[in-house]
N, C-alpha and C. Protein backbone atom coordinates (compact mmCIF):
# COMPACT_ATOMS: atom_id res chain seq x y z
N MET A 1 6.24 1.26 -25.52
CA MET A 1 4.98 1.40 -25.69
C MET A 1 5.05 2.65 -24.61
N SER A 2 4.19 3.75 -25.13
CA SER A 2 4.17 5.17 -24.54
C SER A 2 2.73 5.17 -24.21
N GLY A 3 1.78 4.34 -24.23
CA GLY A 3 0.24 5.00 -23.88
C GLY A 3 0.08 5.03 -22.44
N ARG A 4 -1.11 5.44 -22.07
CA ARG A 4 -1.59 5.65 -21.11
C ARG A 4 -1.01 4.50 -19.94
N ALA A 5 -0.92 4.47 -18.38
CA ALA A 5 -0.74 3.51 -17.64
C ALA A 5 -2.06 3.42 -16.67
N ARG A 6 -2.22 2.39 -16.09
CA ARG A 6 -3.34 2.33 -14.99
C ARG A 6 -2.47 1.60 -13.93
N VAL A 7 -2.53 1.66 -12.76
CA VAL A 7 -2.04 1.29 -11.48
C VAL A 7 -3.34 0.79 -10.71
N MET A 8 -3.42 -0.51 -10.30
CA MET A 8 -4.29 -1.04 -9.38
C MET A 8 -3.95 -1.44 -8.05
N ILE A 9 -4.42 -1.60 -6.86
CA ILE A 9 -3.73 -1.75 -5.56
C ILE A 9 -5.18 -2.10 -5.01
N TRP A 10 -5.05 -3.39 -4.58
CA TRP A 10 -6.14 -3.91 -3.68
C TRP A 10 -5.93 -3.88 -2.47
N HIS A 11 -7.28 -3.56 -1.56
CA HIS A 11 -7.57 -3.29 -0.15
C HIS A 11 -8.25 -3.97 0.71
N ARG A 12 -8.13 -4.41 1.90
CA ARG A 12 -9.27 -4.98 2.59
C ARG A 12 -9.46 -3.83 3.54
N GLU A 13 -10.91 -3.70 3.85
CA GLU A 13 -11.21 -2.67 4.92
C GLU A 13 -11.88 -3.53 6.19
N PRO A 14 -11.10 -3.40 7.40
CA PRO A 14 -11.42 -4.06 8.38
C PRO A 14 -13.02 -3.94 9.05
N SER A 15 -13.83 -4.91 9.29
CA SER A 15 -14.86 -4.78 9.74
C SER A 15 -15.11 -3.69 11.11
N ASP A 16 -14.30 -3.56 11.61
CA ASP A 16 -14.23 -2.80 12.91
C ASP A 16 -13.90 -1.15 12.61
N GLU A 17 -13.86 -0.78 11.17
CA GLU A 17 -13.18 0.42 10.62
C GLU A 17 -13.85 0.81 9.56
N PRO A 18 -15.41 0.87 9.54
CA PRO A 18 -16.04 1.14 8.29
C PRO A 18 -15.49 2.50 7.91
N GLY A 19 -15.51 2.84 6.46
CA GLY A 19 -15.09 3.98 6.03
C GLY A 19 -13.75 4.57 6.27
N ALA A 20 -12.72 3.70 6.88
CA ALA A 20 -11.57 3.99 7.11
C ALA A 20 -10.62 4.16 5.60
N ILE A 21 -11.07 3.33 4.72
CA ILE A 21 -10.33 3.45 3.41
C ILE A 21 -10.77 4.66 2.51
N GLU A 22 -11.80 4.77 2.76
CA GLU A 22 -12.43 5.82 1.85
C GLU A 22 -11.90 7.29 2.49
N GLN A 23 -12.11 7.43 3.76
CA GLN A 23 -11.51 8.58 4.35
C GLN A 23 -9.78 8.81 3.86
N ALA A 24 -8.74 7.53 4.03
CA ALA A 24 -7.50 7.49 3.63
C ALA A 24 -7.45 7.88 2.24
N TYR A 25 -8.28 7.33 1.30
CA TYR A 25 -8.28 7.68 -0.02
C TYR A 25 -8.51 9.40 -0.28
N ARG A 26 -9.38 9.73 0.42
CA ARG A 26 -9.80 11.24 0.00
C ARG A 26 -8.69 11.94 0.63
N GLN A 27 -8.01 11.77 1.87
CA GLN A 27 -6.71 12.48 2.15
C GLN A 27 -5.56 12.43 1.36
N ILE A 28 -5.32 11.11 0.50
CA ILE A 28 -4.34 11.07 -0.53
C ILE A 28 -4.98 11.75 -1.63
N SER A 29 -6.15 11.68 -1.93
CA SER A 29 -6.43 12.07 -3.38
C SER A 29 -5.89 13.87 -3.40
N ALA A 30 -6.61 14.42 -2.39
CA ALA A 30 -6.39 15.59 -1.99
C ALA A 30 -4.79 16.11 -2.16
N SER A 31 -3.82 15.31 -1.51
CA SER A 31 -2.45 15.69 -1.39
C SER A 31 -1.82 15.51 -3.11
N LEU A 32 -2.53 14.46 -3.92
CA LEU A 32 -1.90 13.97 -5.32
C LEU A 32 -2.41 15.37 -6.44
N SER A 33 -3.36 16.08 -5.95
CA SER A 33 -3.97 17.02 -6.91
C SER A 33 -2.64 17.74 -7.49
N GLY A 34 -2.76 17.70 -8.75
CA GLY A 34 -1.45 18.49 -9.55
C GLY A 34 -0.46 17.77 -9.53
N THR A 35 -0.25 16.58 -8.93
CA THR A 35 0.79 15.44 -9.40
C THR A 35 0.93 15.44 -11.06
N PRO A 36 2.07 15.94 -11.42
CA PRO A 36 2.70 15.82 -13.06
C PRO A 36 2.36 14.46 -13.48
N GLY A 37 1.74 14.28 -14.59
CA GLY A 37 1.07 12.82 -15.22
C GLY A 37 -0.10 12.35 -14.85
N LEU A 38 -0.50 12.52 -13.37
CA LEU A 38 -1.64 12.01 -12.86
C LEU A 38 -2.76 12.42 -13.59
N LEU A 39 -3.71 11.40 -14.09
CA LEU A 39 -4.95 11.91 -14.97
C LEU A 39 -6.31 11.74 -14.10
N SER A 40 -6.22 10.63 -13.20
CA SER A 40 -7.21 10.50 -12.84
C SER A 40 -6.90 9.44 -11.45
N ASN A 41 -7.91 9.14 -10.46
CA ASN A 41 -7.70 7.82 -9.64
C ASN A 41 -9.35 7.58 -9.11
N GLU A 42 -9.77 6.23 -8.80
CA GLU A 42 -10.84 5.87 -8.36
C GLU A 42 -10.77 4.87 -7.11
N LEU A 43 -11.89 5.06 -6.36
CA LEU A 43 -11.76 4.06 -5.43
C LEU A 43 -13.12 3.10 -5.65
N LEU A 44 -12.99 2.02 -5.97
CA LEU A 44 -13.94 0.74 -6.34
C LEU A 44 -14.32 -0.03 -5.28
N ARG A 45 -15.68 -0.28 -5.17
CA ARG A 45 -15.91 -1.48 -4.24
C ARG A 45 -16.53 -2.53 -4.70
N ALA A 46 -16.12 -3.76 -4.30
CA ALA A 46 -16.49 -5.10 -4.93
C ALA A 46 -18.20 -5.19 -4.31
N THR A 47 -19.02 -5.42 -5.80
CA THR A 47 -20.42 -5.44 -5.40
C THR A 47 -20.87 -6.90 -4.70
N ASP A 48 -19.80 -7.78 -4.30
CA ASP A 48 -20.24 -8.77 -3.88
C ASP A 48 -19.74 -9.19 -2.40
N ASP A 49 -18.75 -8.25 -2.00
CA ASP A 49 -17.96 -8.10 -0.68
C ASP A 49 -17.46 -6.71 -0.50
N THR A 50 -18.24 -5.76 -0.03
CA THR A 50 -17.77 -4.34 0.17
C THR A 50 -16.89 -4.07 1.00
N SER A 51 -15.89 -5.28 1.63
CA SER A 51 -14.62 -5.12 2.26
C SER A 51 -13.50 -5.07 1.28
N ARG A 52 -13.79 -5.45 0.26
CA ARG A 52 -12.76 -5.51 -0.78
C ARG A 52 -12.71 -4.28 -1.66
N VAL A 53 -11.70 -3.43 -1.75
CA VAL A 53 -11.93 -2.21 -2.20
C VAL A 53 -10.65 -2.14 -3.15
N LEU A 54 -10.60 -1.50 -4.57
CA LEU A 54 -9.65 -1.47 -5.45
C LEU A 54 -9.31 0.23 -5.65
N VAL A 55 -8.31 0.53 -5.69
CA VAL A 55 -7.89 1.91 -5.80
C VAL A 55 -7.16 1.96 -6.98
N MET A 56 -7.50 2.43 -8.23
CA MET A 56 -6.87 2.52 -9.69
C MET A 56 -6.89 4.01 -9.89
N SER A 57 -5.42 4.18 -10.45
CA SER A 57 -5.18 5.46 -10.77
C SER A 57 -4.33 5.34 -12.34
N GLU A 58 -5.20 6.41 -13.17
CA GLU A 58 -4.68 6.62 -14.53
C GLU A 58 -3.23 7.66 -14.72
N TRP A 59 -2.49 7.16 -15.36
CA TRP A 59 -1.13 8.22 -15.81
C TRP A 59 -1.17 8.37 -17.22
N GLU A 60 -0.66 9.75 -17.36
CA GLU A 60 -0.37 9.93 -18.87
C GLU A 60 0.56 8.92 -19.63
N ASN A 61 1.53 8.10 -18.82
CA ASN A 61 2.13 7.07 -19.33
C ASN A 61 3.09 6.68 -18.43
N LEU A 62 3.63 5.46 -18.65
CA LEU A 62 4.63 4.65 -17.79
C LEU A 62 5.61 5.32 -16.99
N VAL A 63 6.50 6.27 -17.61
CA VAL A 63 7.20 7.20 -17.19
C VAL A 63 6.72 8.03 -16.46
N ALA A 64 5.69 8.64 -16.55
CA ALA A 64 5.13 9.67 -15.47
C ALA A 64 4.91 9.00 -13.98
N PHE A 65 4.12 7.56 -14.19
CA PHE A 65 4.01 6.93 -13.00
C PHE A 65 5.36 6.53 -12.34
N LYS A 66 6.42 5.92 -13.04
CA LYS A 66 7.54 5.59 -12.47
C LYS A 66 8.09 6.99 -11.93
N GLU A 67 8.17 7.99 -12.31
CA GLU A 67 9.02 9.21 -11.89
C GLU A 67 8.38 9.51 -10.56
N TRP A 68 6.97 9.29 -10.46
CA TRP A 68 6.33 9.66 -9.17
C TRP A 68 6.54 8.85 -8.17
N GLU A 69 6.56 7.38 -8.49
CA GLU A 69 6.65 6.43 -7.67
C GLU A 69 8.27 6.31 -7.12
N GLU A 70 9.07 6.69 -7.59
CA GLU A 70 10.45 6.83 -7.32
C GLU A 70 10.65 8.18 -6.67
N GLY A 71 9.92 9.10 -6.87
CA GLY A 71 10.18 10.48 -5.81
C GLY A 71 10.16 10.10 -4.46
N MET A 72 10.34 11.30 -3.97
CA MET A 72 10.65 11.49 -2.50
C MET A 72 9.37 11.47 -1.75
N SER A 73 8.14 11.91 -2.13
CA SER A 73 7.01 12.07 -1.43
C SER A 73 5.97 11.06 -1.64
N HIS A 74 6.35 9.58 -2.65
CA HIS A 74 5.65 8.59 -2.94
C HIS A 74 5.07 8.05 -1.53
N ARG A 75 6.17 7.63 -0.73
CA ARG A 75 5.72 6.48 0.11
C ARG A 75 5.21 7.59 1.46
N SER A 76 5.34 9.05 1.44
CA SER A 76 4.79 9.39 2.49
C SER A 76 3.27 9.89 2.50
N THR A 77 3.02 9.90 1.28
CA THR A 77 1.91 10.61 0.37
C THR A 77 0.67 9.38 0.68
N THR A 78 1.16 7.95 0.30
CA THR A 78 0.37 7.02 0.25
C THR A 78 0.31 6.13 1.42
N SER A 79 1.06 6.54 2.42
CA SER A 79 0.99 5.78 3.74
C SER A 79 -0.29 5.41 4.38
N PRO A 80 -1.33 6.23 4.44
CA PRO A 80 -2.70 6.25 5.19
C PRO A 80 -3.17 5.00 4.66
N LEU A 81 -3.24 4.66 3.40
CA LEU A 81 -3.80 3.26 2.69
C LEU A 81 -2.82 1.93 2.96
N ARG A 82 -1.67 2.19 3.05
CA ARG A 82 -0.88 0.94 3.12
C ARG A 82 -0.99 0.17 3.74
N ARG A 83 -1.36 0.07 5.25
CA ARG A 83 -2.05 -0.77 6.03
C ARG A 83 -3.55 -1.78 5.54
N PHE A 84 -4.08 -1.20 4.80
CA PHE A 84 -5.17 -1.81 4.56
C PHE A 84 -4.98 -2.58 3.24
N GLN A 85 -3.53 -2.60 2.75
CA GLN A 85 -3.47 -3.29 1.31
C GLN A 85 -3.61 -4.67 1.45
N ASP A 86 -4.28 -5.81 0.59
CA ASP A 86 -4.72 -6.79 0.66
C ASP A 86 -3.48 -7.81 0.35
N ARG A 87 -2.66 -8.00 1.22
CA ARG A 87 -1.27 -8.74 1.04
C ARG A 87 -1.76 -10.28 1.35
N GLY A 88 -2.99 -10.68 1.33
CA GLY A 88 -3.39 -11.93 1.24
C GLY A 88 -3.28 -12.48 -0.45
N ARG A 89 -3.52 -11.23 -1.22
CA ARG A 89 -3.75 -11.92 -2.58
C ARG A 89 -2.33 -12.22 -3.29
N GLU A 90 -2.39 -13.02 -4.43
CA GLU A 90 -1.02 -13.13 -4.91
C GLU A 90 -0.33 -11.75 -5.46
N ARG A 91 -0.85 -11.03 -5.97
CA ARG A 91 -0.34 -9.62 -6.12
C ARG A 91 -1.10 -8.64 -5.79
N PHE A 92 -0.91 -8.08 -4.65
CA PHE A 92 -1.93 -6.80 -4.18
C PHE A 92 -1.95 -5.70 -5.20
N TYR A 93 -1.09 -5.40 -6.21
CA TYR A 93 -0.86 -4.40 -6.95
C TYR A 93 -0.48 -4.89 -8.19
N GLU A 94 -1.19 -4.15 -9.52
CA GLU A 94 -0.75 -4.67 -10.40
C GLU A 94 -0.40 -3.08 -11.43
N ILE A 95 0.41 -3.37 -12.74
CA ILE A 95 0.53 -1.93 -13.41
C ILE A 95 0.22 -2.41 -14.67
N TYR A 96 -0.70 -1.81 -15.46
CA TYR A 96 -0.87 -2.02 -17.02
C TYR A 96 -0.60 -0.66 -17.56
N GLU A 97 -0.26 -1.18 -18.84
CA GLU A 97 -0.11 -0.14 -19.89
C GLU A 97 -1.05 -0.12 -20.69
N VAL A 98 -1.82 1.03 -21.34
CA VAL A 98 -3.30 0.62 -22.08
C VAL A 98 -2.57 0.47 -23.50
N ALA A 99 -2.92 -0.80 -24.19
CA ALA A 99 -2.73 -1.17 -25.50
C ALA A 99 -3.77 -0.44 -26.50
N VAL A 100 -4.94 -0.62 -26.13
CA VAL A 100 -5.97 -0.28 -27.31
C VAL A 100 -7.11 0.16 -26.37
N SER A 101 -7.90 1.29 -26.76
CA SER A 101 -8.95 1.82 -25.87
C SER A 101 -10.20 2.37 -26.73
N TYR A 102 -11.14 2.30 -26.58
CA TYR A 102 -12.56 2.68 -27.36
C TYR A 102 -13.53 3.55 -26.16
N ARG A 103 -13.73 4.93 -26.60
CA ARG A 103 -14.57 5.42 -25.37
C ARG A 103 -15.98 5.99 -26.30
N GLU A 104 -16.87 5.22 -25.90
CA GLU A 104 -18.26 5.41 -26.61
C GLU A 104 -18.30 6.98 -26.71
N GLU A 105 -18.36 7.89 -25.84
CA GLU A 105 -19.17 9.30 -25.45
C GLU A 105 -18.38 9.87 -26.90
N GLY A 106 -17.09 9.59 -27.10
CA GLY A 106 -16.51 10.70 -27.84
C GLY A 106 -16.21 9.64 -29.32
N GLY A 107 -16.14 8.54 -29.23
CA GLY A 107 -15.93 7.74 -30.31
C GLY A 107 -14.32 7.57 -30.38
N ASP A 108 -13.56 7.93 -29.47
CA ASP A 108 -12.00 8.01 -29.43
C ASP A 108 -11.66 6.64 -29.46
N ARG A 109 -10.57 6.44 -30.38
CA ARG A 109 -9.67 5.02 -30.35
C ARG A 109 -8.17 5.61 -30.35
N SER A 110 -7.80 4.72 -29.04
CA SER A 110 -6.25 4.96 -29.48
C SER A 110 -5.46 3.59 -29.28
C-alpha cells in the first residue's frame, strides 16, 4: 500500500498542569512546519474526559512518516509531549495506512 498514513498518540494531561499539552503541541507543530510528507496534525480532546488527549498526524504515505521518524530531529522535536504519553494504555500510539476514504465536500474517493 502507498496511501496516506495517520499516526495517533494518546496523552493524559495532569490536573495540576492545565493547558500544558496544548502548549507543547503548538511548540512542536511550529517546529514541524515544512516537514516533507507531513500533511496535517490535530490535537483532539475526549468529550467525556478532557484530560484524555489525542494527537493525530496525517502523512503523504507511510514511507514519508518512517523517514521522518528515523531521522535525527524526530526525538528532540517531539520531546515536549513525551512525558504526557498515556503509557497506561495497552498501546499509547498507533499507525494506520488509509485503505479507503470519502470526502463529502469534494466527493473525492480514494
